[in-house]
Amino acid sequence: MIRLESVAGEGTVFDVLLPVAGACLQVARSSMVANQRMESAPAKRTVLIVEDEPMLRSSVSKVLRKEGLNVIEADDGVTAVDLFRRHEKEIDVILLDLTIPGTTSTAVVEEAVRLRPDIRVILTSAYGRDMAGAAANASQVRGFIRKPFRIRELVGMIQETLA
């Protein structure tokens, strides 16, 4: 199956899904389980995505919206802190890239925790978790996902974090 999504000024995404003997059933079951979890979730939950790569941020945001989540996007640390301050009661989880311009990811986590000690954070990076430093040590950090990641893996991690 081939799916195409195109948004003027943002780009085009092609998904080419080819069956693999035996693997298709497992992927389908994983997707069904993930979808069932999202359907059974209470009200719409909100994710703050802090990612400086526009294509990745846009793609992840689009998928998470299709999964039934509200998404707020920030392309740097300063914007992330500002958005968190404005929406602190709404945001359920922060998906935070470790290497962002402006305010550091560590400072973003610290400010979010200061405002909302119960906030949950998922870190992401092309580097390993060992490079995360102080940001990864906060008790609010519930997961780490290395880029490039599979979107189903990310959705599953967010669902587990929100559960």
Protein backbone atom coordinates (compact mmCIF):
# COMPACT_ATOMS: atom_id res chain seq x y z
CA MET A 1 0.00 0.00 0.00
CA ILE A 2 1.22 3.51 -0.76
CA ARG A 3 -0.01 6.54 1.18
CA LEU A 4 0.73 10.10 0.18
CA GLU A 5 0.29 13.22 2.29
CA SER A 6 1.14 16.60 0.86
CA VAL A 7 0.80 20.02 2.42
CA ALA A 8 1.58 23.12 0.38
CA GLY A 9 4.67 24.84 1.70
CA GLU A 10 5.47 22.00 4.12
CA GLY A 11 6.33 19.08 1.89
CA THR A 12 5.21 15.60 0.96
CA VAL A 13 5.35 12.34 2.88
CA PHE A 14 5.20 8.96 1.16
CA ASP A 15 4.52 5.80 3.16
CA VAL A 16 5.23 2.63 1.21
CA LEU A 17 4.07 -0.44 3.11
CA LEU A 18 5.21 -3.78 1.72
CA PRO A 19 4.21 -7.08 3.28
CA VAL A 20 6.93 -9.26 4.74
CA ALA A 21 6.18 -12.91 5.38
CA GLY A 22 5.11 -13.33 9.01
CA ALA A 23 5.99 -9.77 10.04
CA CYS A 24 2.80 -8.14 8.72
CA LEU A 25 0.59 -9.83 11.26
CA GLN A 26 2.81 -8.72 14.14
CA VAL A 27 2.93 -5.10 12.88
CA ALA A 28 -0.84 -5.10 12.43
CA ARG A 29 -1.36 -6.47 15.94
CA SER A 30 1.02 -3.86 17.41
CA SER A 31 -0.83 -1.10 15.61
CA MET A 32 -4.19 -2.43 16.79
CA VAL A 33 -3.01 -2.57 20.39
CA ALA A 34 -1.61 0.98 20.18
CA ASN A 35 -4.84 2.25 18.61
CA GLN A 36 -6.96 0.51 21.23
CA ARG A 37 -4.91 2.17 23.98
CA MET A 38 -5.45 5.58 22.42
CA GLU A 39 -9.18 4.96 21.98
CA SER A 40 -9.53 4.00 25.62
CA ALA A 41 -7.64 7.11 26.79
CA PRO A 42 -9.83 9.63 28.60
CA ALA A 43 -9.86 13.16 27.22
CA LYS A 44 -7.50 14.48 24.59
CA ARG A 45 -4.01 14.75 26.01
CA THR A 46 -1.48 17.40 25.00
CA VAL A 47 2.14 16.94 23.92
CA LEU A 48 4.65 19.78 23.68
CA ILE A 49 7.13 18.87 20.93
CA VAL A 50 10.46 20.70 21.15
CA GLU A 51 12.38 19.94 17.95
CA ASP A 52 14.47 22.30 15.82
CA GLU A 53 14.27 20.21 12.64
CA PRO A 54 11.10 21.49 10.89
CA MET A 55 10.42 18.37 8.81
CA LEU A 56 10.73 16.02 11.77
CA ARG A 57 8.68 18.28 14.04
CA SER A 58 5.95 18.61 11.43
CA SER A 59 5.85 14.88 10.67
CA VAL A 60 5.74 13.80 14.31
CA SER A 61 3.10 16.44 15.08
CA LYS A 62 0.94 15.26 12.22
CA VAL A 63 1.10 11.62 13.32
CA LEU A 64 0.37 12.45 16.97
CA ARG A 65 -2.64 14.53 15.96
CA LYS A 66 -3.92 11.58 13.94
CA GLU A 67 -3.49 9.49 17.11
CA GLY A 68 -5.91 11.86 18.85
CA LEU A 69 -3.44 14.01 20.74
CA ASN A 70 -3.28 17.79 20.93
CA VAL A 71 0.14 19.03 19.88
CA ILE A 72 1.95 22.26 20.67
CA GLU A 73 5.17 22.84 18.73
CA ALA A 74 8.36 24.69 19.65
CA ASP A 75 11.50 24.97 17.53
CA ASP A 76 13.86 26.15 20.29
CA GLY A 77 14.29 26.22 24.06
CA VAL A 78 13.14 29.82 24.55
CA THR A 79 9.88 29.15 22.72
CA ALA A 80 9.43 25.87 24.62
CA VAL A 81 9.69 27.57 28.00
CA ASP A 82 7.35 30.37 26.90
CA LEU A 83 4.76 27.90 25.57
CA PHE A 84 5.04 25.75 28.68
CA ARG A 85 4.42 28.78 30.88
CA ARG A 86 1.34 29.70 28.84
CA HIS A 87 -0.04 26.14 28.67
CA GLU A 88 1.39 24.49 31.80
CA LYS A 89 -1.97 23.11 32.96
CA GLU A 90 -2.77 21.62 29.53
CA ILE A 91 0.54 19.94 28.68
CA ASP A 92 0.73 16.31 29.74
CA VAL A 93 4.10 15.34 28.29
CA ILE A 94 7.07 17.08 26.69
CA LEU A 95 8.90 15.42 23.78
CA LEU A 96 12.23 17.21 24.01
CA ASP A 97 15.19 17.07 21.64
CA LEU A 98 18.45 17.24 23.60
CA THR A 99 20.23 19.58 21.21
CA ILE A 100 18.06 22.63 20.67
CA PRO A 101 18.99 26.25 20.03
CA GLY A 102 18.30 28.90 22.65
CA THR A 103 17.61 27.72 26.17
CA THR A 104 19.22 24.31 26.75
CA SER A 105 17.17 21.15 27.11
CA THR A 106 18.36 20.89 30.73
CA ALA A 107 17.03 24.38 31.45
CA VAL A 108 13.73 23.56 29.71
CA VAL A 109 13.31 20.50 31.94
CA GLU A 110 14.25 22.47 35.07
CA GLU A 111 11.75 25.25 34.33
CA ALA A 112 8.98 22.80 33.46
CA VAL A 113 9.60 20.88 36.70
CA ARG A 114 9.65 24.13 38.70
CA LEU A 115 6.24 25.08 37.27
CA ARG A 116 4.77 21.56 37.26
CA PRO A 117 6.61 18.99 39.40
CA ASP A 118 4.42 16.22 37.93
CA ILE A 119 5.26 16.94 34.26
CA ARG A 120 6.46 13.97 32.22
CA VAL A 121 9.32 14.27 29.75
CA ILE A 122 10.54 12.06 26.91
CA LEU A 123 13.99 12.92 25.58
CA THR A 124 15.08 12.35 22.02
CA SER A 125 18.43 12.70 20.28
CA ALA A 126 20.61 11.37 17.52
CA TYR A 127 23.19 10.84 20.26
CA GLY A 128 22.97 8.11 22.88
CA ARG A 129 21.31 8.57 26.26
CA ASP A 130 24.74 8.84 27.89
CA MET A 131 25.15 12.22 26.14
CA ALA A 132 21.95 13.53 27.74
CA GLY A 133 23.72 14.70 30.88
CA ALA A 134 21.71 16.45 33.59
CA ALA A 135 18.49 16.54 31.56
CA ALA A 136 18.23 12.75 31.70
CA ASN A 137 18.63 12.65 35.47
CA ALA A 138 15.39 14.42 36.32
CA SER A 139 12.82 12.06 37.83
CA GLN A 140 10.25 13.46 35.39
CA VAL A 141 12.15 11.96 32.45
CA ARG A 142 10.12 8.87 31.59
CA GLY A 143 11.89 7.78 28.46
CA PHE A 144 14.56 8.28 25.84
CA ILE A 145 14.19 7.52 22.15
CA ARG A 146 17.12 7.71 19.77
CA LYS A 147 16.80 9.22 16.30
CA PRO A 148 16.03 7.98 13.81
CA PHE A 149 13.13 6.27 15.53
CA ARG A 150 10.11 4.38 14.34
CA ILE A 151 6.97 6.41 14.74
CA ARG A 152 5.07 3.45 16.25
CA GLU A 153 7.80 3.14 18.87
CA LEU A 154 7.43 6.84 19.73
CA VAL A 155 3.63 6.63 19.86
CA GLY A 156 3.88 3.60 22.14
CA MET A 157 6.31 5.41 24.44
CA ILE A 158 4.02 8.45 24.64
CA GLN A 159 1.01 6.22 25.34
CA GLU A 160 2.88 4.43 28.14
CA THR A 161 4.00 7.75 29.58
CA LEU A 162 0.43 9.06 29.57
CA ALA A 163 -1.03 5.88 31.08
